[in-house]
Protein backbone atom coordinates (compact mmCIF):
# COMPACT_ATOMS: atom_id res chain seq x y z
CA UNK A 1 106.67 7.36 -107.48
CA UNK A 2 109.90 6.09 -105.90
CA UNK A 3 109.07 5.03 -102.15
CA UNK A 4 112.07 7.44 -100.87
CA UNK A 5 109.58 10.31 -101.73
CA UNK A 6 106.86 8.53 -99.24
CA UNK A 7 109.37 7.56 -96.95
CA UNK A 8 110.83 10.90 -96.58
CA UNK A 9 107.43 12.68 -96.66
CA UNK A 10 106.55 10.32 -93.36
CA UNK A 11 109.59 11.21 -91.90
CA UNK A 12 108.98 14.95 -92.31
CA UNK A 13 105.40 14.57 -91.08
CA UNK A 14 106.91 12.76 -87.69
CA UNK A 15 109.53 15.53 -87.22
CA UNK A 16 107.15 18.42 -87.73
CA UNK A 17 104.16 17.09 -86.46
CA UNK A 18 104.08 13.90 -84.41
CA UNK A 19 104.37 10.24 -84.78
CA UNK A 20 100.64 9.85 -84.29
CA UNK A 21 99.90 12.37 -86.84
CA UNK A 22 101.83 9.82 -89.39
CA UNK A 23 99.48 6.80 -88.02
CA UNK A 24 96.25 9.16 -88.36
CA UNK A 25 97.11 10.43 -91.82
CA UNK A 26 97.86 6.74 -93.07
CA UNK A 27 94.59 5.17 -91.63
CA UNK A 28 92.72 8.32 -93.12
CA UNK A 29 94.13 7.79 -96.48
CA UNK A 30 93.15 4.43 -96.95
CA UNK A 31 96.34 3.72 -99.00
CA UNK A 32 96.30 0.50 -101.24
CA UNK A 33 99.57 -0.18 -99.81
CA UNK A 34 98.59 0.22 -96.04
CA UNK A 35 101.56 2.96 -95.83
CA UNK A 36 104.14 0.44 -95.78
CA UNK A 37 107.01 2.20 -98.17
CA UNK A 38 110.27 1.05 -98.99
CA UNK A 39 112.64 3.46 -100.53
CA UNK A 40 113.35 1.52 -103.51
CA UNK A 41 109.76 0.21 -104.35
CA UNK A 42 107.56 2.32 -106.49
CA UNK A 43 104.08 3.40 -105.30
CA UNK A 44 100.94 5.45 -107.21
CA UNK A 45 101.42 9.02 -106.88
CA UNK A 46 97.79 9.07 -105.82
CA UNK A 47 99.02 7.88 -102.34
CA UNK A 48 101.10 10.86 -102.18
CA UNK A 49 98.05 13.08 -102.93
CA UNK A 50 95.77 10.97 -100.13
CA UNK A 51 98.66 11.37 -97.57
CA UNK A 52 98.98 15.19 -98.31
CA UNK A 53 95.22 15.88 -98.51
CA UNK A 54 94.87 13.84 -94.80
CA UNK A 55 97.55 15.88 -93.74
CA UNK A 56 95.91 19.26 -94.56
CA UNK A 57 92.98 18.23 -93.15
CA UNK A 58 94.25 17.25 -89.96
CA UNK A 59 96.80 20.20 -89.69
CA UNK A 60 94.55 23.16 -91.04
CA UNK A 61 97.76 24.02 -93.45
CA UNK A 62 96.70 24.46 -97.17
CA UNK A 63 97.78 21.64 -99.75
CA UNK A 64 100.01 24.01 -101.58
CA UNK A 65 101.94 25.28 -98.51
CA UNK A 66 102.31 21.79 -97.36
CA UNK A 67 103.81 20.34 -100.60
CA UNK A 68 106.31 23.62 -100.62
CA UNK A 69 107.16 22.65 -97.13
CA UNK A 70 107.74 19.16 -98.02
CA UNK A 71 109.69 20.33 -101.22
CA UNK A 72 112.12 21.99 -98.94
CA UNK A 73 112.39 19.25 -96.48
CA UNK A 74 113.01 16.72 -99.26
CA UNK A 75 115.88 19.03 -100.83
CA UNK A 76 117.48 18.70 -97.32
CA UNK A 77 116.98 15.04 -97.31
CA UNK A 78 118.36 14.61 -100.61
CA UNK A 79 121.73 16.41 -99.66
CA UNK A 80 122.11 14.20 -96.73
CA UNK A 81 121.55 10.85 -98.50
CA UNK A 82 123.01 12.05 -101.80
CA UNK A 83 125.89 14.41 -101.32
CA UNK A 84 127.67 13.55 -104.39
CA UNK A 85 125.07 15.40 -106.46
CA UNK A 86 126.46 18.59 -104.70
CA UNK A 87 130.15 18.05 -104.80
CA UNK A 88 130.75 20.37 -107.93
CA UNK A 89 128.22 22.88 -107.67
CA UNK A 90 128.53 25.70 -105.51
CA UNK A 91 125.25 28.00 -105.90
CA UNK A 92 121.36 27.33 -106.68
CA UNK A 93 120.86 28.48 -110.04
CA UNK A 94 123.83 26.22 -111.19
CA UNK A 95 122.29 23.24 -109.31
CA UNK A 96 118.88 23.81 -110.77
CA UNK A 97 120.02 24.42 -114.29
CA UNK A 98 121.78 21.13 -114.09
CA UNK A 99 118.63 19.13 -113.04
CA UNK A 100 118.07 17.33 -116.14
CA UNK A 101 121.31 16.71 -117.48
CA UNK A 102 123.09 15.82 -113.81
CA UNK A 103 120.59 15.40 -111.32
CA UNK A 104 117.88 13.45 -113.23
CA UNK A 105 120.47 11.31 -115.02
CA UNK A 106 122.16 10.23 -111.71
CA UNK A 107 118.74 9.45 -110.23
CA UNK A 108 118.15 7.32 -113.22
CA UNK A 109 121.11 5.48 -112.78
CA UNK A 110 120.18 4.57 -109.05
CA UNK A 111 116.42 4.24 -109.85
CA UNK A 112 115.99 3.17 -113.49
CA UNK A 113 112.29 2.95 -113.36
CA UNK A 114 111.97 6.35 -112.04
CA UNK A 115 109.13 8.46 -113.50
CA UNK A 116 110.83 12.03 -113.28
CA UNK A 117 109.31 15.46 -114.05
CA UNK A 118 110.67 17.38 -116.86
CA UNK A 119 112.74 20.53 -116.62
CA UNK A 120 113.46 22.55 -119.52
CA UNK A 121 115.89 25.33 -119.40
CA UNK A 122 114.22 28.48 -121.27
CA UNK A 123 116.82 30.91 -120.28
CA UNK A 124 120.01 31.13 -118.56
CA UNK A 125 122.04 33.86 -117.62
CA UNK A 126 124.93 34.54 -114.34
CA UNK A 127 121.66 35.99 -112.36
CA UNK A 128 118.64 34.50 -113.93
CA UNK A 129 117.07 31.08 -114.61
CA UNK A 130 113.92 30.08 -116.34
CA UNK A 131 112.78 26.48 -116.07
CA UNK A 132 109.72 24.81 -117.47
CA UNK A 133 108.47 22.09 -115.17
CA UNK A 134 106.04 19.50 -117.02
CA UNK A 135 104.69 16.66 -115.04
CA UNK A 136 101.40 14.68 -115.50
CA UNK A 137 101.27 14.24 -111.75
CA UNK A 138 101.40 18.00 -111.48
CA UNK A 139 103.39 18.19 -108.22
CA UNK A 140 104.40 22.25 -109.23
CA UNK A 141 103.97 23.17 -105.61
CA UNK A 142 106.55 20.44 -104.45
CA UNK A 143 108.82 21.49 -107.35
CA UNK A 144 108.87 25.00 -106.06
CA UNK A 145 109.87 23.93 -102.54
CA UNK A 146 112.73 21.86 -103.77
CA UNK A 147 113.54 25.19 -105.56
CA UNK A 148 113.19 26.76 -102.05
CA UNK A 149 115.32 24.37 -100.45
CA UNK A 150 118.04 24.56 -103.09
CA UNK A 151 117.90 28.73 -102.41
CA UNK A 152 117.96 28.12 -98.63
CA UNK A 153 120.83 25.22 -99.00
CA UNK A 154 123.32 27.59 -100.78
CA UNK A 155 122.02 30.78 -98.64
CA UNK A 156 121.36 32.93 -101.61
CA UNK A 157 118.77 35.68 -102.22
CA UNK A 158 117.04 34.39 -105.24
CA UNK A 159 113.25 35.58 -105.84
CA UNK A 160 110.97 32.84 -107.79
CA UNK A 161 108.35 34.02 -109.99
CA UNK A 162 105.80 31.24 -111.42
CA UNK A 163 102.97 31.24 -113.87
CA UNK A 164 101.33 28.52 -115.78
CA UNK A 165 101.75 28.43 -119.77
CA UNK A 166 100.68 26.08 -122.28
CA UNK A 167 103.05 24.68 -124.75
CA UNK A 168 101.93 22.59 -127.87
CA UNK A 169 98.87 21.97 -125.95
CA UNK A 170 100.41 21.12 -122.57
CA UNK A 171 100.29 22.42 -119.41
CA UNK A 172 103.85 23.49 -118.14
CA UNK A 173 104.64 25.75 -115.29
CA UNK A 174 107.41 28.30 -115.62
CA UNK A 175 109.60 29.36 -112.91
CA UNK A 176 111.72 32.60 -113.19
CA UNK A 177 114.62 32.51 -110.34
CA UNK A 178 116.18 35.87 -110.13
CA UNK A 179 119.49 36.54 -107.74
CA UNK A 180 119.22 39.80 -105.95
C-alpha cells in the first residue's frame, strides 16, 4: 500500500483520538517499518491491518466501524490534497462511477507502482450506481467509508446496500448506491 494511506491513517488517529494513541498503536503493532512512513513509500498492507487492530483494541471500536470512519476521513484528505480530481464532477454517483477511468488512472500517474482495488460498474442510471469491488486485501469497509465520505462531500442523500458475491470463483463486494 502507498504510504499516503498510512500517513493519513495516523493523522486521523492523532486528530480523532490523540498523539499518545498514535504512539501506543505503533508500539503495540510491532511493525517491520517501525511506523515510519512516507507518503510516496510502499508498505505491506498487513501493517495497516495491524494498526487498525491495535486501534480497535485500545478504542473499543470495532474494526469495520474504524475502517469506515477512516474511509470517510481519507476521502476528505484526498479532496484537500488532490483537488484536481474533483474539478469536473458535481455529484457523488458521477464521481464514484468514474473511479476506474478517472481517479485510478490519475493515481497511477502519480504512483505508478500503486496496487489499487478494482471497481467494476455493473449498473448505472441517473439515480443508481452498482459497483463491484474486488481486492485481495479485502478492505471492503474502507471502500464503503470512502463512498460515505464522497456522499457527505457532495451533500447528497444516497443509500448504500452491500452484499458479498462470487464471480468466476473470486469474491467481490457489490455496492448498490441509490439516490433518494
